[in-house]
């Protein structure tokens, strides 16, 4: 497809593993790919070396492909941006436009160790991806910023005020570049959060402060959403299960749509 002839509404999806999508298990309704919903990705390798995350972006063109759940066909892995996109397609997408999701979340990434933040590797790549998307057609536009991150900074015990400053600067820089689009973030998986309240609550408080102080944003509650461990018993209590990610995407959209009124 010649994407220079396609007009895209662009959604930025950033953060760490729950944004990248690490959810397993059955779902009430399977996600069905659509010709109207696309991904934009950068080719990369991700390794953990000496307990540190090493992300290497490959010297390869960015990829645009029809959006679908990743993983094996018999064991798909959820992504909350997909159910967000389905709701957007039904309610807000114009007949002459398509939706492009910029996929920039990477598991284990945060501000504490310098992956996210102005001038840092992941944010720099996010900007490159969005700039590329906008360059394809003069009528392309960024319409939203979906964020899920903070677990890394909680258990790494990042100073909450430092975390807040970095996130606030990042949100404001996205808007300076691409316009005052809604910014939506969400709470952690309750099973894991409830075991680590002393570390999690200050970070969640700062995310809410960023939303309040930067404006045009919303925070999505997740206390009733199940982890992988609760859904399929695999011991993973920090990641939303696949069904929870489907629900989370719809909640993000409800919050997003409310900001448009």
C-alpha atoms as a PDB file:
ATOM      1  CA  UNK A   1       0.000   0.000   0.000  1.00  0.00           C
ATOM      2  CA  UNK A   2       1.156   3.522  -0.782  1.00  0.00           C
ATOM      3  CA  UNK A   3       0.731   5.149   2.626  1.00  0.00           C
ATOM      4  CA  UNK A   4       1.258   8.594   1.142  1.00  0.00           C
ATOM      5  CA  UNK A   5      -2.301   8.271  -0.156  1.00  0.00           C
ATOM      6  CA  UNK A   6      -3.699   7.277   3.253  1.00  0.00           C
ATOM      7  CA  UNK A   7      -4.872   9.777   5.850  1.00  0.00           C
ATOM      8  CA  UNK A   8      -4.110   8.538   9.360  1.00  0.00           C
ATOM      9  CA  UNK A   9      -5.349   9.477  12.799  1.00  0.00           C
ATOM     10  CA  UNK A  10      -2.306   8.632  14.934  1.00  0.00           C
ATOM     11  CA  UNK A  11      -2.401   7.175  18.449  1.00  0.00           C
ATOM     12  CA  UNK A  12       0.849   7.056  20.442  1.00  0.00           C
ATOM     13  CA  UNK A  13       1.132   4.070  22.793  1.00  0.00           C
ATOM     14  CA  UNK A  14       4.055   4.199  25.223  1.00  0.00           C
ATOM     15  CA  UNK A  15       5.306   2.798  28.492  1.00  0.00           C
ATOM     16  CA  UNK A  16       6.559  -0.582  29.625  1.00  0.00           C
ATOM     17  CA  UNK A  17       5.322  -4.182  29.562  1.00  0.00           C
ATOM     18  CA  UNK A  18       1.604  -3.611  30.170  1.00  0.00           C
ATOM     19  CA  UNK A  19       1.690  -1.135  27.269  1.00  0.00           C
ATOM     20  CA  UNK A  20       3.701  -3.473  25.090  1.00  0.00           C
ATOM     21  CA  UNK A  21       1.240  -6.211  26.025  1.00  0.00           C
ATOM     22  CA  UNK A  22       2.096  -9.264  28.140  1.00  0.00           C
ATOM     23  CA  UNK A  23      -1.378 -10.668  28.729  1.00  0.00           C
ATOM     24  CA  UNK A  24      -2.380 -14.294  28.210  1.00  0.00           C
ATOM     25  CA  UNK A  25      -5.488 -16.399  28.511  1.00  0.00           C
ATOM     26  CA  UNK A  26      -8.952 -16.628  26.989  1.00  0.00           C
ATOM     27  CA  UNK A  27     -11.056 -13.570  26.168  1.00  0.00           C
ATOM     28  CA  UNK A  28     -14.780 -12.986  25.980  1.00  0.00           C
ATOM     29  CA  UNK A  29     -14.496 -11.673  22.422  1.00  0.00           C
ATOM     30  CA  UNK A  30     -11.534 -12.213  20.113  1.00  0.00           C
ATOM     31  CA  UNK A  31      -9.917  -9.190  18.512  1.00  0.00           C
ATOM     32  CA  UNK A  32     -10.543  -9.229  14.751  1.00  0.00           C
ATOM     33  CA  UNK A  33      -8.004  -7.266  12.662  1.00  0.00           C
ATOM     34  CA  UNK A  34      -9.356  -4.444  10.525  1.00  0.00           C
ATOM     35  CA  UNK A  35      -8.162  -2.759   7.346  1.00  0.00           C
ATOM     36  CA  UNK A  36      -8.749   0.504   9.230  1.00  0.00           C
ATOM     37  CA  UNK A  37      -6.349  -0.169  12.137  1.00  0.00           C
ATOM     38  CA  UNK A  38      -2.585  -0.303  11.598  1.00  0.00           C
ATOM     39  CA  UNK A  39       0.632  -0.520  13.625  1.00  0.00           C
ATOM     40  CA  UNK A  40       3.821   1.492  13.152  1.00  0.00           C
ATOM     41  CA  UNK A  41       6.872  -0.259  14.642  1.00  0.00           C
ATOM     42  CA  UNK A  42      10.644  -0.005  14.782  1.00  0.00           C
ATOM     43  CA  UNK A  43      12.703  -3.186  14.387  1.00  0.00           C
ATOM     44  CA  UNK A  44      14.684  -3.899  17.554  1.00  0.00           C
ATOM     45  CA  UNK A  45      16.259  -6.465  19.830  1.00  0.00           C
ATOM     46  CA  UNK A  46      15.735  -6.431  23.579  1.00  0.00           C
ATOM     47  CA  UNK A  47      18.091  -8.218  25.981  1.00  0.00           C
ATOM     48  CA  UNK A  48      18.639  -8.328  29.731  1.00  0.00           C
ATOM     49  CA  UNK A  49      22.371  -8.251  30.469  1.00  0.00           C
ATOM     50  CA  UNK A  50      23.644  -8.132  34.061  1.00  0.00           C
ATOM     51  CA  UNK A  51      20.112  -7.248  35.176  1.00  0.00           C
ATOM     52  CA  UNK A  52      20.063  -4.249  32.837  1.00  0.00           C
ATOM     53  CA  UNK A  53      17.787  -3.752  29.843  1.00  0.00           C
ATOM     54  CA  UNK A  54      19.633  -3.378  26.546  1.00  0.00           C
ATOM     55  CA  UNK A  55      17.527  -2.148  23.620  1.00  0.00           C
ATOM     56  CA  UNK A  56      19.114  -2.097  20.179  1.00  0.00           C
ATOM     57  CA  UNK A  57      17.208  -0.522  17.308  1.00  0.00           C
ATOM     58  CA  UNK A  58      18.113  -2.160  14.013  1.00  0.00           C
ATOM     59  CA  UNK A  59      19.165  -0.299  10.898  1.00  0.00           C
ATOM     60  CA  UNK A  60      15.906  -1.165   9.152  1.00  0.00           C
ATOM     61  CA  UNK A  61      12.944   0.813   7.836  1.00  0.00           C
ATOM     62  CA  UNK A  62       9.998   1.366  10.141  1.00  0.00           C
ATOM     63  CA  UNK A  63       7.210  -1.146   9.540  1.00  0.00           C
ATOM     64  CA  UNK A  64       3.541  -0.368   8.956  1.00  0.00           C
ATOM     65  CA  UNK A  65       1.286  -3.401   9.166  1.00  0.00           C
ATOM     66  CA  UNK A  66      -2.301  -4.279   9.972  1.00  0.00           C
ATOM     67  CA  UNK A  67      -2.597  -4.322  13.772  1.00  0.00           C
ATOM     68  CA  UNK A  68      -3.163  -7.643  15.487  1.00  0.00           C
ATOM     69  CA  UNK A  69      -2.331  -9.370  18.742  1.00  0.00           C
ATOM     70  CA  UNK A  70       1.230 -10.639  18.845  1.00  0.00           C
ATOM     71  CA  UNK A  71       2.524 -14.027  19.936  1.00  0.00           C
ATOM     72  CA  UNK A  72       1.715 -17.395  18.422  1.00  0.00           C
ATOM     73  CA  UNK A  73      -1.652 -17.934  16.753  1.00  0.00           C
ATOM     74  CA  UNK A  74      -2.584 -20.595  19.315  1.00  0.00           C
ATOM     75  CA  UNK A  75      -1.405 -18.417  22.236  1.00  0.00           C
ATOM     76  CA  UNK A  76      -2.022 -14.735  21.377  1.00  0.00           C
ATOM     77  CA  UNK A  77      -0.839 -11.901  23.615  1.00  0.00           C
ATOM     78  CA  UNK A  78      -3.111  -8.955  24.337  1.00  0.00           C
ATOM     79  CA  UNK A  79      -2.605  -5.246  23.620  1.00  0.00           C
ATOM     80  CA  UNK A  80      -4.948  -2.643  25.078  1.00  0.00           C
ATOM     81  CA  UNK A  81      -4.458  -0.273  22.143  1.00  0.00           C
ATOM     82  CA  UNK A  82      -6.361  -2.710  19.922  1.00  0.00           C
ATOM     83  CA  UNK A  83      -9.650  -2.568  21.809  1.00  0.00           C
ATOM     84  CA  UNK A  84      -9.165   1.188  22.201  1.00  0.00           C
ATOM     85  CA  UNK A  85      -8.768   1.344  18.428  1.00  0.00           C
ATOM     86  CA  UNK A  86     -11.900  -0.738  17.809  1.00  0.00           C
ATOM     87  CA  UNK A  87     -13.962   1.702  19.870  1.00  0.00           C
ATOM     88  CA  UNK A  88     -12.345   4.647  18.078  1.00  0.00           C
ATOM     89  CA  UNK A  89     -13.125   3.027  14.719  1.00  0.00           C
ATOM     90  CA  UNK A  90     -16.800   2.640  15.655  1.00  0.00           C
ATOM     91  CA  UNK A  91     -17.298   6.102  17.120  1.00  0.00           C
ATOM     92  CA  UNK A  92     -14.773   8.619  15.828  1.00  0.00           C
ATOM     93  CA  UNK A  93     -12.953   7.421  12.714  1.00  0.00           C
ATOM     94  CA  UNK A  94     -14.068   9.245   9.576  1.00  0.00           C
ATOM     95  CA  UNK A  95     -14.829   7.197   6.464  1.00  0.00           C
ATOM     96  CA  UNK A  96     -11.867   8.619   4.558  1.00  0.00           C
ATOM     97  CA  UNK A  97      -9.313   7.972   7.313  1.00  0.00           C
ATOM     98  CA  UNK A  98      -7.527   5.072   9.022  1.00  0.00           C
ATOM     99  CA  UNK A  99      -5.992   4.689  12.491  1.00  0.00           C
ATOM    100  CA  UNK A 100      -2.246   4.215  13.040  1.00  0.00           C
ATOM    101  CA  UNK A 101      -0.943   3.041  16.431  1.00  0.00           C
ATOM    102  CA  UNK A 102       2.656   4.039  17.152  1.00  0.00           C
ATOM    103  CA  UNK A 103       3.987   1.114  19.214  1.00  0.00           C
ATOM    104  CA  UNK A 104       6.762   2.398  21.471  1.00  0.00           C
ATOM    105  CA  UNK A 105       6.256   0.555  24.780  1.00  0.00           C
ATOM    106  CA  UNK A 106       8.978  -1.882  25.886  1.00  0.00           C
ATOM    107  CA  UNK A 107       8.832  -4.221  28.867  1.00  0.00           C
ATOM    108  CA  UNK A 108      10.983  -3.285  31.853  1.00  0.00           C
ATOM    109  CA  UNK A 109      11.562   0.277  30.673  1.00  0.00           C
ATOM    110  CA  UNK A 110      11.304   3.345  32.868  1.00  0.00           C
ATOM    111  CA  UNK A 111      12.746   6.667  33.902  1.00  0.00           C
ATOM    112  CA  UNK A 112      14.949   5.425  36.764  1.00  0.00           C
ATOM    113  CA  UNK A 113      17.490   3.725  34.503  1.00  0.00           C
ATOM    114  CA  UNK A 114      17.197   6.270  31.745  1.00  0.00           C
ATOM    115  CA  UNK A 115      15.200   4.550  29.024  1.00  0.00           C
ATOM    116  CA  UNK A 116      12.279   7.015  29.099  1.00  0.00           C
ATOM    117  CA  UNK A 117      12.625  10.785  29.432  1.00  0.00           C
ATOM    118  CA  UNK A 118      13.503  13.754  27.228  1.00  0.00           C
ATOM    119  CA  UNK A 119      16.607  12.922  25.217  1.00  0.00           C
ATOM    120  CA  UNK A 120      16.580   9.269  26.294  1.00  0.00           C
ATOM    121  CA  UNK A 121      16.572   6.308  23.929  1.00  0.00           C
ATOM    122  CA  UNK A 122      12.910   5.308  23.971  1.00  0.00           C
ATOM    123  CA  UNK A 123      11.518   8.816  23.871  1.00  0.00           C
ATOM    124  CA  UNK A 124      13.873   9.760  21.036  1.00  0.00           C
ATOM    125  CA  UNK A 125      12.640   6.736  19.059  1.00  0.00           C
ATOM    126  CA  UNK A 126       9.005   7.608  19.826  1.00  0.00           C
ATOM    127  CA  UNK A 127       9.566  11.054  18.305  1.00  0.00           C
ATOM    128  CA  UNK A 128      11.234   9.533  15.239  1.00  0.00           C
ATOM    129  CA  UNK A 129       8.279   7.183  14.747  1.00  0.00           C
ATOM    130  CA  UNK A 130       5.674   9.933  15.082  1.00  0.00           C
ATOM    131  CA  UNK A 131       7.614  12.293  12.827  1.00  0.00           C
ATOM    132  CA  UNK A 132       7.793   9.534  10.225  1.00  0.00           C
ATOM    133  CA  UNK A 133       4.054   8.884  10.488  1.00  0.00           C
ATOM    134  CA  UNK A 134       3.285  12.564  10.038  1.00  0.00           C
ATOM    135  CA  UNK A 135       5.651  12.839   7.075  1.00  0.00           C
ATOM    136  CA  UNK A 136       3.647  10.294   5.063  1.00  0.00           C
ATOM    137  CA  UNK A 137       0.712  12.615   4.416  1.00  0.00           C
ATOM    138  CA  UNK A 138       0.160  16.289   5.243  1.00  0.00           C
ATOM    139  CA  UNK A 139      -3.325  15.430   6.578  1.00  0.00           C
ATOM    140  CA  UNK A 140      -2.080  12.898   9.148  1.00  0.00           C
ATOM    141  CA  UNK A 141      -2.647  14.045  12.736  1.00  0.00           C
ATOM    142  CA  UNK A 142      -1.839  12.867  16.261  1.00  0.00           C
ATOM    143  CA  UNK A 143      -5.076  12.423  18.202  1.00  0.00           C
ATOM    144  CA  UNK A 144      -4.067  10.755  21.477  1.00  0.00           C
ATOM    145  CA  UNK A 145      -1.280   9.610  23.808  1.00  0.00           C
ATOM    146  CA  UNK A 146      -1.921   6.325  25.661  1.00  0.00           C
ATOM    147  CA  UNK A 147       0.555   5.583  28.458  1.00  0.00           C
ATOM    148  CA  UNK A 148       0.996   2.707  30.899  1.00  0.00           C
ATOM    149  CA  UNK A 149       4.169   2.730  32.934  1.00  0.00           C
ATOM    150  CA  UNK A 150       5.513   3.197  36.443  1.00  0.00           C
ATOM    151  CA  UNK A 151       5.983  -0.311  37.821  1.00  0.00           C
ATOM    152  CA  UNK A 152       9.678  -0.120  36.973  1.00  0.00           C
ATOM    153  CA  UNK A 153      10.091   3.168  38.818  1.00  0.00           C
ATOM    154  CA  UNK A 154       8.113   1.844  41.800  1.00  0.00           C
ATOM    155  CA  UNK A 155      10.210  -1.239  42.450  1.00  0.00           C
ATOM    156  CA  UNK A 156      13.442   0.548  41.513  1.00  0.00           C
ATOM    157  CA  UNK A 157      12.438   3.115  44.156  1.00  0.00           C
ATOM    158  CA  UNK A 158      12.779   6.142  41.921  1.00  0.00           C
ATOM    159  CA  UNK A 159      12.281   9.353  43.870  1.00  0.00           C
ATOM    160  CA  UNK A 160       8.602  10.226  43.217  1.00  0.00           C
ATOM    161  CA  UNK A 161       9.307  13.893  42.558  1.00  0.00           C
ATOM    162  CA  UNK A 162      12.018  12.944  40.051  1.00  0.00           C
ATOM    163  CA  UNK A 163       9.629  10.561  38.321  1.00  0.00           C
ATOM    164  CA  UNK A 164       6.951  13.248  38.182  1.00  0.00           C
ATOM    165  CA  UNK A 165       9.266  15.851  36.666  1.00  0.00           C
ATOM    166  CA  UNK A 166      10.411  13.458  33.949  1.00  0.00           C
ATOM    167  CA  UNK A 167       6.896  12.299  33.034  1.00  0.00           C
ATOM    168  CA  UNK A 168       5.511  15.840  33.107  1.00  0.00           C
ATOM    169  CA  UNK A 169       8.284  17.069  30.802  1.00  0.00           C
ATOM    170  CA  UNK A 170       7.691  14.172  28.421  1.00  0.00           C
ATOM    171  CA  UNK A 171       3.925  14.746  28.181  1.00  0.00           C
ATOM    172  CA  UNK A 172       4.433  18.447  27.598  1.00  0.00           C
ATOM    173  CA  UNK A 173       7.074  17.830  24.942  1.00  0.00           C
ATOM    174  CA  UNK A 174       4.744  15.484  23.027  1.00  0.00           C
ATOM    175  CA  UNK A 175       2.108  18.213  23.061  1.00  0.00           C
ATOM    176  CA  UNK A 176       4.571  20.923  22.087  1.00  0.00           C
ATOM    177  CA  UNK A 177       5.491  18.857  19.049  1.00  0.00           C
ATOM    178  CA  UNK A 178       2.127  17.408  18.036  1.00  0.00           C
ATOM    179  CA  UNK A 179      -0.678  19.403  19.661  1.00  0.00           C
ATOM    180  CA  UNK A 180      -2.705  19.218  22.851  1.00  0.00           C
ATOM    181  CA  UNK A 181      -4.078  15.704  22.409  1.00  0.00           C
ATOM    182  CA  UNK A 182      -5.619  13.775  25.357  1.00  0.00           C
ATOM    183  CA  UNK A 183      -3.174  11.929  27.601  1.00  0.00           C
ATOM    184  CA  UNK A 184      -4.527   8.753  29.240  1.00  0.00           C
ATOM    185  CA  UNK A 185      -2.724   6.649  31.853  1.00  0.00           C
ATOM    186  CA  UNK A 186      -3.832   3.770  34.068  1.00  0.00           C
ATOM    187  CA  UNK A 187      -3.293   2.104  37.415  1.00  0.00           C
ATOM    188  CA  UNK A 188      -1.167  -0.985  38.000  1.00  0.00           C
ATOM    189  CA  UNK A 189      -2.303  -4.605  38.298  1.00  0.00           C
ATOM    190  CA  UNK A 190      -3.993  -4.780  41.688  1.00  0.00           C
ATOM    191  CA  UNK A 191      -2.580  -8.190  42.682  1.00  0.00           C
ATOM    192  CA  UNK A 192       0.983  -6.891  42.399  1.00  0.00           C
ATOM    193  CA  UNK A 193       0.251  -3.364  43.593  1.00  0.00           C
ATOM    194  CA  UNK A 194      -1.430  -4.595  46.787  1.00  0.00           C
ATOM    195  CA  UNK A 195       1.801  -6.402  47.750  1.00  0.00           C
ATOM    196  CA  UNK A 196       3.923  -3.296  47.099  1.00  0.00           C
ATOM    197  CA  UNK A 197       1.740  -0.404  48.225  1.00  0.00           C
ATOM    198  CA  UNK A 198       4.506   1.585  49.900  1.00  0.00           C
ATOM    199  CA  UNK A 199       6.409   1.767  46.600  1.00  0.00           C
ATOM    200  CA  UNK A 200       3.440   1.985  44.224  1.00  0.00           C
ATOM    201  CA  UNK A 201       1.205   4.587  45.820  1.00  0.00           C
ATOM    202  CA  UNK A 202       3.711   7.489  45.578  1.00  0.00           C
ATOM    203  CA  UNK A 203       4.264   6.780  41.869  1.00  0.00           C
ATOM    204  CA  UNK A 204       0.533   6.519  41.153  1.00  0.00           C
ATOM    205  CA  UNK A 205       0.014   9.778  43.054  1.00  0.00           C
ATOM    206  CA  UNK A 206       2.568  11.500  40.824  1.00  0.00           C
ATOM    207  CA  UNK A 207       0.986  10.164  37.627  1.00  0.00           C
ATOM    208  CA  UNK A 208      -2.306  11.667  38.773  1.00  0.00           C
ATOM    209  CA  UNK A 209      -0.581  14.967  39.564  1.00  0.00           C
ATOM    210  CA  UNK A 210       0.916  15.069  36.067  1.00  0.00           C
ATOM    211  CA  UNK A 211      -2.531  14.487  34.578  1.00  0.00           C
ATOM    212  CA  UNK A 212      -4.116  17.198  36.722  1.00  0.00           C
ATOM    213  CA  UNK A 213      -1.372  19.772  36.198  1.00  0.00           C
ATOM    214  CA  UNK A 214      -0.865  19.215  32.474  1.00  0.00           C
ATOM    215  CA  UNK A 215      -4.619  19.075  31.781  1.00  0.00           C
ATOM    216  CA  UNK A 216      -6.639  17.292  29.102  1.00  0.00           C
ATOM    217  CA  UNK A 217      -5.930  13.912  30.655  1.00  0.00           C
ATOM    218  CA  UNK A 218      -7.494  11.055  32.574  1.00  0.00           C
ATOM    219  CA  UNK A 219      -6.474   8.194  34.851  1.00  0.00           C
ATOM    220  CA  UNK A 220      -8.084   4.770  34.426  1.00  0.00           C
ATOM    221  CA  UNK A 221      -8.867   2.547  37.421  1.00  0.00           C
ATOM    222  CA  UNK A 222      -7.901  -1.138  37.289  1.00  0.00           C
ATOM    223  CA  UNK A 223      -8.570  -2.561  40.773  1.00  0.00           C
ATOM    224  CA  UNK A 224     -10.962  -5.220  39.435  1.00  0.00           C
ATOM    225  CA  UNK A 225      -8.797  -6.350  36.515  1.00  0.00           C
ATOM    226  CA  UNK A 226      -7.068  -9.729  36.822  1.00  0.00           C
ATOM    227  CA  UNK A 227      -3.393 -10.527  36.448  1.00  0.00           C
ATOM    228  CA  UNK A 228      -2.010 -13.377  34.372  1.00  0.00           C
ATOM    229  CA  UNK A 229      -1.542 -15.280  37.626  1.00  0.00           C
ATOM    230  CA  UNK A 230      -5.162 -14.841  38.663  1.00  0.00           C
ATOM    231  CA  UNK A 231      -6.411 -15.820  35.205  1.00  0.00           C
ATOM    232  CA  UNK A 232      -4.170 -18.732  34.244  1.00  0.00           C
ATOM    233  CA  UNK A 233      -2.111 -19.443  37.393  1.00  0.00           C
ATOM    234  CA  UNK A 234       1.336 -18.833  35.894  1.00  0.00           C
ATOM    235  CA  UNK A 235       2.744 -16.858  38.853  1.00  0.00           C
ATOM    236  CA  UNK A 236       2.898 -13.579  36.900  1.00  0.00           C
ATOM    237  CA  UNK A 237       1.175 -11.044  39.144  1.00  0.00           C
ATOM    238  CA  UNK A 238       2.500  -7.814  37.588  1.00  0.00           C
ATOM    239  CA  UNK A 239       0.926  -8.106  34.139  1.00  0.00           C
ATOM    240  CA  UNK A 240      -2.713  -7.819  33.157  1.00  0.00           C
ATOM    241  CA  UNK A 241      -4.129 -10.962  31.592  1.00  0.00           C
ATOM    242  CA  UNK A 242      -5.301 -10.793  27.993  1.00  0.00           C
ATOM    243  CA  UNK A 243      -8.966 -10.279  28.893  1.00  0.00           C
ATOM    244  CA  UNK A 244      -7.985  -7.490  31.299  1.00  0.00           C
ATOM    245  CA  UNK A 245      -6.025  -5.768  28.532  1.00  0.00           C
ATOM    246  CA  UNK A 246      -9.098  -5.946  26.297  1.00  0.00           C
ATOM    247  CA  UNK A 247     -11.175  -4.320  29.048  1.00  0.00           C
ATOM    248  CA  UNK A 248      -8.422  -1.789  29.774  1.00  0.00           C
ATOM    249  CA  UNK A 249      -8.425  -0.592  26.168  1.00  0.00           C
ATOM    250  CA  UNK A 250     -12.146   0.011  26.271  1.00  0.00           C
ATOM    251  CA  UNK A 251     -11.766   1.931  29.552  1.00  0.00           C
ATOM    252  CA  UNK A 252      -9.022   4.053  28.039  1.00  0.00           C
ATOM    253  CA  UNK A 253     -11.360   4.898  25.186  1.00  0.00           C
ATOM    254  CA  UNK A 254     -14.236   5.802  27.513  1.00  0.00           C
ATOM    255  CA  UNK A 255     -11.890   8.169  29.355  1.00  0.00           C
ATOM    256  CA  UNK A 256     -10.584   9.539  26.049  1.00  0.00           C
ATOM    257  CA  UNK A 257     -14.045  10.170  24.623  1.00  0.00           C
ATOM    258  CA  UNK A 258     -15.143  11.976  27.792  1.00  0.00           C
ATOM    259  CA  UNK A 259     -12.310  14.476  27.262  1.00  0.00           C
ATOM    260  CA  UNK A 260     -13.613  15.326  23.803  1.00  0.00           C
ATOM    261  CA  UNK A 261     -16.978  16.589  25.101  1.00  0.00           C
END
